[in-house]
């Protein structure tokens, strides 16, 4: 493409733990924070934005169109439209793709794209429209029903990981070792302050005054393999289960955003792009093994980019579960040393609607700091899908 879409800024909040440091802040307020910072870093004025596209899965009870709320609260004028994208775990990355497509088609000039999620604020719900004639009424956990349970297979995402572990012969020991590696890479990255460039601190109100949250809250320092092996299987408890709380991703809060424009627009503004978007792809798989969705998605994206897997310097692959992560890496024959070099969602956390944008932001900053040129961001998606994006730095 003679005038590709480029990323001129990329930023995220720290990832908060479930009911943790960021739990008092609505997803759209986290979104506003990253929008403001992304615009400031790119020197783009709010009234120069064509549209805002943000991924979010858990929108129940959060008010109309949380992306619109985030946009307006970030100071973007009323005249600029905004929309929410829901492709479950792929939402944040799909939003980046939608923004790039809008620019390529000439429908937009500058797009703010990303994702936002507060899993802590997902409400419990009850349907009472027709009244209750007799008996008790139970509450539905909207986080569990809308974010973590396969609507097609009617079981938890953790069961899909168990299915993958059996079909791809991923042992419990291998899963625990993968999870330990993720935690250790993140621990080392935090010690070296490698996330500093990509994170915008969040000021959280409290009775004693504002508290600044500047680091990811979910990682556990000092993890050991022995500690992982002591954890009980969380989903299959008949003696064959392998997926635990330790080798799965977390339940988290956070937001991330990027600013997109054509390369010619960036040059006109004397901006140095972080990377250009080369190709993207999505794919469908059996919902029972949804974690393998990145396998066909990455293959398609690499083919469209004209790359081989060995051309890629870094892969950011969302770690929904260690089982599916290992299946993807092994099936594609990827060098593990190129994957999630700063740790992944098992350590950092998985705020579902924001995660696609989070891994995209982390990939861009990791490429910059390591001097890498080509990168791939990819996620598995509930319901049996995968999404992947190829980027390249000059």
Foldseek 3Di string as FASTA:
>chain_A
DVWFKFFQFKAKAAWAAQVGDCQVPAQLCLLLVQVLVQCVSNVHDLAQWQEEEAEEFQCPPVDPFSQLVSSVSNPRDPVHYYHYAYLWLQRFVVQVVVVRVCQVVVVTFKYKGFYFFNLNPRDWDWDAPPHDPDDDTDTHRCCCPRHAAFPVVGGGPLQLLLVLCVVLVPALLNLLVQLVVLLVLQVVCVVVVLCQRRHDWDWDQDPVGTDTDTHHDQRDPPDDSVVSVPFAADGDHPPSGRFGLLQFFHAIGMMMITMMGIPVVCVVVVGAGLWGWQFKFKWFDALSNLLQQVQVRVVVRCVSNVHQLVLAQAEEEARRGSSSVVSNCVVSVHDVCRYSSNHHRSRSHDSRRRRSSVSVSVQSSVCVVVVHFKYKYKYGGRPGMIMMIIIGHD
